[in-house]
Amino acid sequence: MNFLNVEGRSRVVLGRLLGRAGPRTATAFAVMLSTLAFLALPTPAHAIPAFARKYGTSCMTCHTIYPKLNPFGEAFRRNGFRFPGTDSDTIKQEPLQLGAEAYKKVFPAAVWPASIAGSLPVALGFNGFMTFHPTSGSAGAVADGGAPVVFDHLVEEGHLWAGGSFSDTITYFAELTVDSSGIGIEHAYLLFNDLIGPAHAVNLSVGSFVPTLSSFGPHSSYLADTRLTGAGVTALFSGTPGADSSWAYNNNANGLEVTGVLNGRFDYSVGVNQGTNGFTRAPDNVYGHIGYKFGGVRLDGEEGSTVPDPMKPWAEVALTLDLYGFHSSSRYTSDPATVPFSLDTANVGGLTLRGQLNSLELDAGLSMEMHDNVDGAGTKVTMTQEFAELSYVVYPWLVPAVRIENTSLAPDGGTSVSDLRIRPGIAALVLPNLKLTLVGDIEHSDGAPPGGWGALGGMGGMATSAVSADIQGITLGIAYAY
């Protein structure tokens, strides 16, 4: 498949669409979005324009509406951020050579040569959102002090990304995030690809990253931050949400991970990490996943993989199934006045599927977590989560979707509680690197854990009792990267 030709044709089509629209129509389009009744929470801008500069191509080569990846973009990610075939053959940006090629012949008497990007391989991005509460009595409106419109999060996060390659087999990725809580490293890891056997069969990641628990990227959703739901269960019971106080299986962590794609259809991962709130000890968080894709573009994008219509690089007919498991031992703050920290052991099992019929896509999953000490008093809890997201690509720049998430908590000897969120919305590109999302948050909770639903998210998330089905908020999100 000539992916660069596909991208080029798609870019021409997108350019014509935007060109026909003109500035007045583009403005009207933005106004129309802001007045729609169905909105979604914004997702962080995790696209990497540094890759576009490196390969001399558009963001649309790998993405539909970023950070959502198309089949080729997923293959690029699985291959360690490398194009199928020989990666260096597709690089358009002239690299800077670190040593002469002849040094390979005299190794180890000389340092093995390498190369770095000819320009700084970094990108910047920002994202934020504004919220409208149509009902002043909803839990979301009460949590925001009764304000009908909230601008507090209009500039929520800033991101600095870096991504590139040291050679055809050694690559890297990093992300630095700035928000109101300070500066933090979200991701920073090296990828050692094609270590043994056939291409893509055995790869090693070292650093801080989100565990690979599916065949798709962690931010592979049009309406949510992460594809897999996840939640800090100890935070739901202790009332101290945050990355430093509660572990969730879809959080990034320091660790090692082996991944691979076999025969283009089967992929796997096995990893060990320290957890989001580890302390000095041998890492004992272990996990793994297996997946298989029926039909469509191969998972590695090799051997002439192609989509049926080059004008629709997102469209294929395929079904992908994944199974995953995770064992974790983590600490958290329960009652600092009496106990510095508590330990909780969790076992997680889950399955996901993605079915695609050209431009129509269904993403769904089920997970079960079993915890042995969620509150510092030895209370055991089982959390069950289901999600489903149905989307349709109307145009390369316009995708309506609806996402449903349900979380149930069953404490041993206690009363079960649950929270249901229905999130209809639209994701749209004004330009390939400028995104708007419009999403409504309809939430209903049957009871609440002791710490409220805050760690789960949602407009009514801070409620500590039942919340009737209501539109908790309407959100206009904006994200851009360059």
Protein backbone atom coordinates (compact mmCIF):
# COMPACT_ATOMS: atom_id res chain seq x y z
CA MET A 1 0.00 0.00 0.00
CA ASN A 2 1.36 3.44 -0.90
CA PHE A 3 0.50 5.14 2.37
CA LEU A 4 2.10 8.44 1.39
CA ASN A 5 -0.02 8.58 -1.75
CA VAL A 6 -3.14 7.80 0.30
CA GLU A 7 -2.28 10.59 2.72
CA GLY A 8 -1.59 13.00 -0.09
CA ARG A 9 -4.95 12.39 -1.74
CA SER A 10 -6.76 12.66 1.60
CA ARG A 11 -4.96 15.92 2.30
CA VAL A 12 -6.10 17.33 -1.06
CA VAL A 13 -9.71 16.37 -0.32
CA LEU A 14 -9.57 17.91 3.16
CA GLY A 15 -7.98 21.05 1.75
CA ARG A 16 -10.74 21.38 -0.84
CA LEU A 17 -13.43 20.94 1.79
CA LEU A 18 -11.92 23.59 4.04
CA GLY A 19 -11.15 25.81 1.09
CA ARG A 20 -14.74 25.70 -0.13
CA ALA A 21 -15.93 26.48 3.37
CA GLY A 22 -14.02 29.74 3.59
CA PRO A 23 -13.50 31.79 6.74
CA ARG A 24 -17.17 32.79 7.12
CA THR A 25 -18.44 29.23 6.83
CA ALA A 26 -15.67 28.00 9.13
CA THR A 27 -16.77 30.56 11.72
CA ALA A 28 -20.40 29.54 11.28
CA PHE A 29 -19.36 25.92 11.68
CA ALA A 30 -17.66 26.70 15.00
CA VAL A 31 -20.75 28.58 16.19
CA MET A 32 -22.96 25.67 15.15
CA LEU A 33 -20.82 23.29 17.16
CA SER A 34 -21.02 25.44 20.27
CA THR A 35 -24.82 25.47 20.15
CA LEU A 36 -25.43 21.77 19.58
CA ALA A 37 -27.27 20.00 22.38
CA PHE A 38 -24.92 17.06 22.58
CA LEU A 39 -21.39 17.54 23.76
CA ALA A 40 -18.44 15.50 25.09
CA LEU A 41 -15.54 16.01 27.46
CA PRO A 42 -12.39 17.14 25.64
CA THR A 43 -9.51 14.76 25.13
CA PRO A 44 -5.88 15.79 25.52
CA ALA A 45 -4.05 16.55 22.30
CA HIS A 46 -1.71 13.59 22.04
CA ALA A 47 -0.88 13.93 18.35
CA ILE A 48 2.79 14.43 17.53
CA PRO A 49 3.43 17.02 14.79
CA ALA A 50 7.12 16.20 15.17
CA PHE A 51 6.39 12.99 13.25
CA ALA A 52 4.68 14.97 10.48
CA ARG A 53 7.82 17.07 10.09
CA LYS A 54 10.08 14.03 10.19
CA TYR A 55 8.25 12.18 7.40
CA GLY A 56 7.11 15.25 5.45
CA THR A 57 3.47 14.31 5.72
CA SER A 58 0.19 15.43 7.31
CA CYS A 59 -1.33 14.48 10.66
CA MET A 60 -4.07 12.79 8.60
CA THR A 61 -1.62 10.08 7.54
CA CYS A 62 -2.03 8.44 10.95
CA HIS A 63 -5.12 10.05 12.49
CA THR A 64 -8.78 10.55 11.85
CA ILE A 65 -9.56 13.18 14.49
CA TYR A 66 -6.56 13.08 16.77
CA PRO A 67 -5.61 11.42 19.02
CA LYS A 68 -7.73 8.68 17.39
CA LEU A 69 -5.57 6.66 15.00
CA ASN A 70 -6.57 5.16 11.67
CA PRO A 71 -5.41 1.61 10.72
CA PHE A 72 -2.09 2.85 9.38
CA GLY A 73 -1.52 5.05 12.43
CA GLU A 74 -2.12 2.08 14.72
CA ALA A 75 0.42 0.04 12.73
CA PHE A 76 2.91 2.93 13.02
CA ARG A 77 2.41 3.00 16.81
CA ARG A 78 2.70 -0.80 17.21
CA ASN A 79 5.87 -0.79 15.12
CA GLY A 80 7.56 1.52 17.63
CA PHE A 81 6.65 4.78 15.81
CA ARG A 82 8.15 3.52 12.56
CA PHE A 83 6.76 3.25 9.06
CA PRO A 84 6.29 -0.28 7.66
CA GLY A 85 9.24 -1.56 5.70
CA THR A 86 12.55 0.19 6.35
CA ASP A 87 11.71 3.29 8.34
CA SER A 88 14.69 5.38 7.24
CA ASP A 89 13.61 5.04 3.58
CA THR A 90 10.51 7.15 4.28
CA ILE A 91 12.13 9.93 6.33
CA LYS A 92 12.06 13.25 4.48
CA GLN A 93 13.88 15.34 7.07
CA GLU A 94 17.65 15.06 6.59
CA PRO A 95 19.16 13.53 9.78
CA LEU A 96 22.43 14.57 11.39
CA GLN A 97 24.92 11.71 11.33
CA LEU A 98 26.74 10.90 14.58
CA GLY A 99 29.78 9.12 13.26
CA ALA A 100 30.77 7.70 9.89
CA GLU A 101 29.22 4.50 8.52
CA ALA A 102 32.74 3.04 8.31
CA TYR A 103 32.92 2.94 12.14
CA LYS A 104 30.73 -0.16 12.05
CA LYS A 105 33.57 -2.07 10.42
CA VAL A 106 36.02 -1.31 13.22
CA PHE A 107 33.61 -1.76 16.16
CA PRO A 108 34.37 -2.18 19.10
CA ALA A 109 37.41 -0.03 18.50
CA ALA A 110 35.01 2.83 17.62
CA VAL A 111 31.60 3.90 18.87
CA TRP A 112 28.78 2.47 16.79
CA PRO A 113 27.45 5.33 14.58
CA ALA A 114 23.95 6.72 14.85
CA SER A 115 21.93 9.75 13.78
CA ILE A 116 19.62 12.36 15.25
CA ALA A 117 16.96 14.56 13.69
CA GLY A 118 18.17 17.53 11.70
CA SER A 119 15.88 19.81 13.73
CA LEU A 120 14.65 19.58 17.30
CA PRO A 121 12.07 16.70 17.26
CA VAL A 122 9.57 18.33 19.59
CA ALA A 123 5.98 19.58 19.37
CA LEU A 124 3.75 21.78 21.51
CA GLY A 125 0.07 21.48 22.30
CA PHE A 126 -2.64 22.88 24.53
CA ASN A 127 -6.13 21.78 25.47
CA GLY A 128 -8.99 23.02 27.59
CA PHE A 129 -12.75 23.30 27.76
CA MET A 130 -15.69 25.45 28.80
CA THR A 131 -18.77 24.02 30.49
CA PHE A 132 -22.43 24.98 30.29
CA HIS A 133 -24.93 23.71 32.90
CA PRO A 134 -28.47 23.72 31.45
CA THR A 135 -29.98 22.74 34.83
CA SER A 136 -28.93 24.72 37.89
CA GLY A 137 -29.98 21.94 40.25
CA SER A 138 -27.90 19.18 38.66
CA ALA A 139 -25.02 17.69 40.63
CA GLY A 140 -22.58 19.07 38.05
CA ALA A 141 -23.94 22.60 38.43
CA VAL A 142 -23.85 22.36 42.23
CA ALA A 143 -20.22 21.17 42.07
CA ASP A 144 -19.44 24.31 40.02
CA GLY A 145 -21.11 26.63 42.52
CA GLY A 146 -24.28 27.06 40.49
CA ALA A 147 -22.50 28.92 37.66
CA PRO A 148 -24.38 28.42 34.35
CA VAL A 149 -21.15 28.82 32.33
CA VAL A 150 -17.66 27.92 33.60
CA PHE A 151 -14.41 29.16 32.01
CA ASP A 152 -12.08 27.84 34.74
CA HIS A 153 -10.64 25.10 32.51
CA LEU A 154 -10.50 27.00 29.23
CA VAL A 155 -6.70 26.52 29.29
CA GLU A 156 -6.33 23.26 31.18
CA GLU A 157 -3.05 21.67 30.05
CA GLY A 158 0.05 22.40 28.06
CA HIS A 159 2.10 19.60 26.48
CA LEU A 160 5.64 19.25 25.20
CA TRP A 161 6.15 16.10 23.14
CA ALA A 162 9.26 14.54 21.69
CA GLY A 163 9.38 11.58 19.35
CA GLY A 164 11.83 10.15 16.89
CA SER A 165 14.45 7.53 16.20
CA PHE A 166 18.10 6.89 16.94
CA SER A 167 18.26 4.22 14.23
CA ASP A 168 15.97 1.98 12.21
CA THR A 169 15.32 -0.14 15.31
CA ILE A 170 15.73 2.19 18.32
CA THR A 171 13.09 4.89 18.85
CA TYR A 172 11.78 7.10 21.65
CA PHE A 173 8.72 8.98 22.84
CA ALA A 174 8.22 11.51 25.66
CA GLU A 175 5.53 13.85 26.94
CA LEU A 176 5.84 16.65 29.51
CA THR A 177 2.55 18.09 30.81
CA VAL A 178 1.96 21.39 32.60
CA ASP A 179 -1.27 22.08 34.48
CA SER A 180 -2.48 23.83 37.63
CA SER A 181 -0.87 21.15 39.81
CA GLY A 182 2.59 21.69 38.32
CA ILE A 183 4.85 19.99 35.76
CA GLY A 184 4.94 16.23 35.32
CA ILE A 185 6.38 13.59 33.00
CA GLU A 186 3.48 11.62 31.53
CA HIS A 187 5.58 9.46 29.24
CA ALA A 188 9.28 8.99 28.58
CA TYR A 189 10.50 5.71 27.15
CA LEU A 190 12.87 4.02 24.74
CA LEU A 191 11.76 1.33 22.31
CA PHE A 192 14.14 -1.38 21.15
CA ASN A 193 12.40 -2.92 18.13
CA ASP A 194 12.90 -6.14 16.18
CA LEU A 195 15.20 -7.67 18.79
CA ILE A 196 14.98 -11.27 17.57
CA GLY A 197 13.06 -13.29 15.01
CA PRO A 198 10.91 -11.79 12.23
CA ALA A 199 10.27 -8.06 12.02
CA HIS A 200 7.91 -6.76 14.75
CA ALA A 201 7.92 -10.09 16.63
CA VAL A 202 9.83 -9.00 19.76
CA ASN A 203 10.16 -5.38 20.95
CA LEU A 204 11.18 -3.95 24.32
CA SER A 205 9.95 -0.69 25.90
CA VAL A 206 11.85 0.84 28.84
CA GLY A 207 10.71 3.88 30.81
CA SER A 208 7.40 5.45 31.82
CA PHE A 209 4.35 4.58 29.69
CA VAL A 210 0.77 3.32 29.76
CA PRO A 211 0.68 -0.51 29.89
CA THR A 212 -0.30 -2.15 26.60
CA LEU A 213 -3.57 -3.93 27.36
CA SER A 214 -5.15 -3.84 23.92
CA SER A 215 -4.32 -3.80 20.22
CA PHE A 216 -5.13 -0.09 20.09
CA GLY A 217 -3.62 3.09 21.51
CA PRO A 218 -4.62 4.15 25.03
CA HIS A 219 -6.25 7.38 23.77
CA SER A 220 -8.18 5.65 21.00
CA SER A 221 -11.54 7.35 21.63
CA TYR A 222 -13.36 10.28 20.05
CA LEU A 223 -15.12 11.33 23.26
CA ALA A 224 -12.99 10.21 26.21
CA ASP A 225 -9.44 10.66 27.46
CA THR A 226 -8.75 6.92 27.43
CA ARG A 227 -10.33 4.05 25.52
CA LEU A 228 -10.35 1.75 28.57
CA THR A 229 -12.28 3.27 31.46
CA GLY A 230 -10.37 2.36 34.64
CA ALA A 231 -10.70 4.14 37.98
CA GLY A 232 -8.79 4.61 41.24
CA VAL A 233 -10.83 2.27 43.44
CA THR A 234 -9.04 3.20 46.68
CA ALA A 235 -9.72 6.87 45.89
CA LEU A 236 -13.43 6.08 45.53
CA PHE A 237 -13.40 4.77 49.09
CA SER A 238 -10.82 7.01 50.75
CA GLY A 239 -11.93 10.25 49.14
CA THR A 240 -8.39 11.21 48.10
CA PRO A 241 -8.37 11.08 44.28
CA GLY A 242 -5.20 11.63 42.34
CA ALA A 243 -2.35 9.79 40.68
CA ASP A 244 -0.34 9.78 43.90
CA SER A 245 -3.07 8.25 46.01
CA SER A 246 -4.79 5.59 43.94
CA TRP A 247 -3.68 3.03 41.39
CA ALA A 248 -5.57 2.37 38.15
CA TYR A 249 -4.53 -0.19 35.55
CA ASN A 250 -4.61 2.33 32.68
CA ASN A 251 -2.25 4.84 34.34
CA ASN A 252 1.31 5.31 33.14
CA ALA A 253 4.10 3.86 35.31
CA ASN A 254 7.83 3.13 35.25
CA GLY A 255 8.57 -0.34 33.92
CA LEU A 256 9.64 -2.78 31.23
CA GLU A 257 7.40 -4.26 28.55
CA VAL A 258 7.83 -6.79 25.74
CA THR A 259 5.42 -6.53 22.81
CA GLY A 260 5.13 -8.02 19.37
CA VAL A 261 3.03 -8.75 16.28
CA LEU A 262 3.11 -12.23 14.76
CA ASN A 263 1.99 -13.05 11.22
CA GLY A 264 0.43 -9.59 10.99
CA ARG A 265 -2.72 -10.65 12.86
CA PHE A 266 -1.78 -11.69 16.41
CA ASP A 267 -0.28 -9.27 18.92
CA TYR A 268 0.76 -9.62 22.54
CA SER A 269 2.33 -7.76 25.45
CA VAL A 270 3.92 -8.78 28.76
CA GLY A 271 5.12 -6.20 31.26
CA VAL A 272 6.21 -5.40 34.79
CA ASN A 273 6.10 -1.99 36.44
CA GLN A 274 6.35 -0.14 39.73
CA GLY A 275 2.80 1.20 39.71
CA THR A 276 1.73 4.83 39.81
CA ASN A 277 2.53 5.18 43.50
CA GLY A 278 5.30 2.72 44.10
CA PHE A 279 7.94 2.87 46.81
CA THR A 280 11.35 1.29 47.20
CA ARG A 281 10.74 -2.39 46.50
CA ALA A 282 11.08 -4.92 43.72
CA PRO A 283 8.39 -4.12 41.12
CA ASP A 284 5.56 -6.63 41.50
CA ASN A 285 2.93 -5.21 39.15
CA VAL A 286 2.68 -7.65 36.23
CA TYR A 287 0.32 -7.72 33.26
CA GLY A 288 -0.23 -9.15 29.83
CA HIS A 289 -2.55 -9.11 26.85
CA ILE A 290 -3.25 -11.02 23.64
CA GLY A 291 -5.18 -9.80 20.63
CA TYR A 292 -6.21 -10.97 17.16
CA LYS A 293 -7.52 -9.00 14.19
CA PHE A 294 -9.82 -10.54 11.59
CA GLY A 295 -9.85 -8.76 8.24
CA GLY A 296 -8.75 -5.24 7.43
CA VAL A 297 -5.23 -3.83 7.47
CA ARG A 298 -2.66 -6.08 9.15
CA LEU A 299 -1.64 -5.09 12.66
CA ASP A 300 1.90 -4.40 11.43
CA GLY A 301 0.83 -2.68 8.18
CA GLU A 302 3.16 -4.89 6.14
CA GLU A 303 2.83 -7.02 3.00
CA GLY A 304 0.62 -4.78 0.93
CA SER A 305 -1.96 -4.04 3.63
CA THR A 306 -4.52 -1.67 2.25
CA VAL A 307 -7.91 -0.12 2.92
CA PRO A 308 -10.66 -0.62 0.31
CA ASP A 309 -10.98 3.08 -0.55
CA PRO A 310 -7.80 5.22 -0.52
CA MET A 311 -10.00 8.31 -0.15
CA LYS A 312 -11.16 6.92 3.21
CA PRO A 313 -7.99 5.71 4.96
CA TRP A 314 -9.95 5.08 8.19
CA ALA A 315 -12.48 2.71 6.58
CA GLU A 316 -12.06 -1.06 6.71
CA VAL A 317 -14.12 -4.16 7.49
CA ALA A 318 -12.50 -5.81 10.50
CA LEU A 319 -13.02 -7.29 13.95
CA THR A 320 -10.34 -7.17 16.66
CA LEU A 321 -10.61 -9.09 19.94
CA ASP A 322 -8.39 -8.59 23.01
CA LEU A 323 -7.99 -10.23 26.42
CA TYR A 324 -5.90 -8.76 29.23
CA GLY A 325 -4.96 -9.34 32.85
CA PHE A 326 -3.17 -7.27 35.51
CA HIS A 327 -1.91 -8.01 39.03
CA SER A 328 -0.98 -5.01 41.16
CA SER A 329 0.21 -4.23 44.66
CA SER A 330 0.06 -0.52 45.44
CA ARG A 331 0.03 1.88 48.35
CA TYR A 332 -2.27 4.84 48.97
CA THR A 333 -3.15 7.37 51.62
CA SER A 334 -6.17 6.34 53.70
CA ASP A 335 -5.94 8.16 57.04
CA PRO A 336 -2.62 10.02 57.33
CA ALA A 337 -3.39 10.91 60.96
CA THR A 338 -3.14 7.27 62.01
CA VAL A 339 -1.51 5.33 59.14
CA PRO A 340 1.10 6.81 56.74
CA PHE A 341 -0.14 4.59 53.93
CA SER A 342 -2.09 1.41 53.23
CA LEU A 343 -1.43 -1.46 50.83
CA ASP A 344 -3.95 -2.83 48.34
CA THR A 345 -3.61 -5.84 46.06
CA ALA A 346 -5.72 -5.92 42.92
CA ASN A 347 -6.35 -8.49 40.20
CA VAL A 348 -7.89 -7.28 36.94
CA GLY A 349 -9.27 -9.21 33.98
CA GLY A 350 -10.89 -7.77 30.90
CA LEU A 351 -11.85 -8.18 27.27
CA THR A 352 -12.45 -5.67 24.48
CA LEU A 353 -13.59 -5.74 20.90
CA ARG A 354 -13.57 -3.33 18.01
CA GLY A 355 -15.81 -4.01 15.07
CA GLN A 356 -15.58 -1.81 12.02
CA LEU A 357 -17.83 -1.70 8.97
CA ASN A 358 -16.18 0.91 6.77
CA SER A 359 -16.96 4.28 8.41
CA LEU A 360 -19.08 2.79 11.23
CA GLU A 361 -17.19 1.62 14.31
CA LEU A 362 -18.21 -0.06 17.55
CA ASP A 363 -15.73 -0.15 20.44
CA ALA A 364 -16.74 -2.09 23.56
CA GLY A 365 -15.22 -3.71 26.60
CA LEU A 366 -15.76 -5.33 29.98
CA SER A 367 -13.39 -5.48 32.95
CA MET A 368 -13.49 -6.81 36.52
CA GLU A 369 -11.19 -5.70 39.36
CA MET A 370 -10.89 -7.46 42.70
CA HIS A 371 -9.27 -5.45 45.54
CA ASP A 372 -8.39 -6.73 49.02
CA ASN A 373 -7.97 -3.45 50.98
CA VAL A 374 -9.63 -0.34 49.57
CA ASP A 375 -10.00 1.70 52.77
CA GLY A 376 -7.12 0.76 55.07
CA ALA A 377 -9.46 -1.47 57.09
CA GLY A 378 -9.22 -4.58 54.89
CA THR A 379 -12.49 -4.06 52.98
CA LYS A 380 -12.61 -6.13 49.80
CA VAL A 381 -14.34 -4.71 46.73
CA THR A 382 -15.12 -5.97 43.25
CA MET A 383 -15.45 -3.30 40.55
CA THR A 384 -17.08 -4.15 37.22
CA GLN A 385 -16.91 -1.75 34.31
CA GLU A 386 -18.46 -1.79 30.86
CA PHE A 387 -18.03 0.69 28.03
CA ALA A 388 -19.26 1.01 24.46
CA GLU A 389 -18.59 3.73 21.90
CA LEU A 390 -20.38 3.92 18.56
CA SER A 391 -19.04 6.36 15.99
CA TYR A 392 -19.43 7.19 12.31
CA VAL A 393 -16.98 9.15 10.16
CA VAL A 394 -19.23 11.47 8.16
CA TYR A 395 -16.30 13.42 6.71
CA PRO A 396 -12.56 13.18 7.45
CA TRP A 397 -13.07 16.17 9.78
CA LEU A 398 -16.47 15.36 11.35
CA VAL A 399 -17.34 12.37 13.56
CA PRO A 400 -20.53 12.09 15.66
CA ALA A 401 -20.39 9.46 18.38
CA VAL A 402 -22.01 8.28 21.57
CA ARG A 403 -20.21 6.63 24.48
CA ILE A 404 -21.73 4.72 27.40
CA GLU A 405 -19.78 3.86 30.56
CA ASN A 406 -21.10 1.92 33.53
CA THR A 407 -19.25 1.25 36.80
CA SER A 408 -20.46 -1.02 39.60
CA LEU A 409 -18.84 -1.42 43.03
CA ALA A 410 -19.64 -4.43 45.23
CA PRO A 411 -18.01 -4.28 48.70
CA ASP A 412 -17.92 -7.50 50.72
CA GLY A 413 -20.71 -7.26 53.29
CA GLY A 414 -21.79 -3.86 51.98
CA THR A 415 -24.31 -2.32 49.58
CA SER A 416 -23.49 -2.29 45.88
CA VAL A 417 -23.49 1.08 44.09
CA SER A 418 -23.23 2.02 40.43
CA ASP A 419 -22.71 4.98 38.12
CA LEU A 420 -23.94 5.21 34.51
CA ARG A 421 -22.76 7.87 32.07
CA ILE A 422 -24.16 8.47 28.58
CA ARG A 423 -22.06 10.84 26.50
CA PRO A 424 -23.32 11.83 23.05
CA GLY A 425 -21.09 14.19 21.14
CA ILE A 426 -19.29 15.37 18.04
CA ALA A 427 -15.57 15.60 17.34
CA ALA A 428 -14.46 17.94 14.55
CA LEU A 429 -11.30 19.29 12.96
CA VAL A 430 -11.18 22.95 11.97
CA LEU A 431 -7.69 22.19 10.65
CA PRO A 432 -5.67 18.94 10.83
CA ASN A 433 -4.06 20.14 14.08
CA LEU A 434 -6.98 22.13 15.59
CA LYS A 435 -9.83 20.14 17.15
CA LEU A 436 -13.20 20.92 18.73
CA THR A 437 -15.31 18.49 20.74
CA LEU A 438 -18.89 18.99 21.80
CA VAL A 439 -20.20 16.49 24.34
CA GLY A 440 -23.07 16.13 26.76
CA ASP A 441 -22.72 14.26 30.05
CA ILE A 442 -25.90 12.50 31.13
CA GLU A 443 -25.22 10.76 34.42
CA HIS A 444 -27.18 8.56 36.79
CA SER A 445 -25.78 7.00 39.94
CA ASP A 446 -27.46 4.47 42.20
CA GLY A 447 -25.81 5.33 45.51
CA ALA A 448 -22.15 6.29 45.89
CA PRO A 449 -18.96 4.96 47.54
CA PRO A 450 -17.72 6.69 50.74
CA GLY A 451 -15.37 8.96 48.78
CA GLY A 452 -17.99 9.92 46.19
CA TRP A 453 -17.64 9.40 42.46
CA GLY A 454 -14.94 12.07 42.03
CA ALA A 455 -12.14 9.69 41.07
CA LEU A 456 -14.35 8.26 38.32
CA GLY A 457 -14.82 11.63 36.62
CA GLY A 458 -18.08 12.96 35.26
CA MET A 459 -19.82 16.26 35.83
CA GLY A 460 -21.66 14.89 38.88
CA GLY A 461 -18.60 12.99 39.98
CA MET A 462 -18.19 14.62 43.38
CA ALA A 463 -21.64 13.52 44.55
CA THR A 464 -21.59 11.27 47.61
CA SER A 465 -25.16 10.02 47.18
CA ALA A 466 -27.46 8.92 44.39
CA VAL A 467 -27.78 11.26 41.39
CA SER A 468 -30.87 11.14 39.18
CA ALA A 469 -30.45 10.88 35.42
CA ASP A 470 -29.81 14.42 34.25
CA ILE A 471 -27.67 16.45 31.87
CA GLN A 472 -24.85 17.25 34.28
CA GLY A 473 -23.08 19.51 31.83
CA ILE A 474 -22.42 20.41 28.21
CA THR A 475 -18.79 20.88 27.30
CA LEU A 476 -17.04 22.56 24.41
CA GLY A 477 -13.46 21.39 24.24
CA ILE A 478 -10.60 22.74 22.15
CA ALA A 479 -7.19 21.20 21.50
CA TYR A 480 -4.39 22.21 19.18
CA ALA A 481 -0.86 21.10 18.47
CA TYR A 482 2.00 22.37 16.33
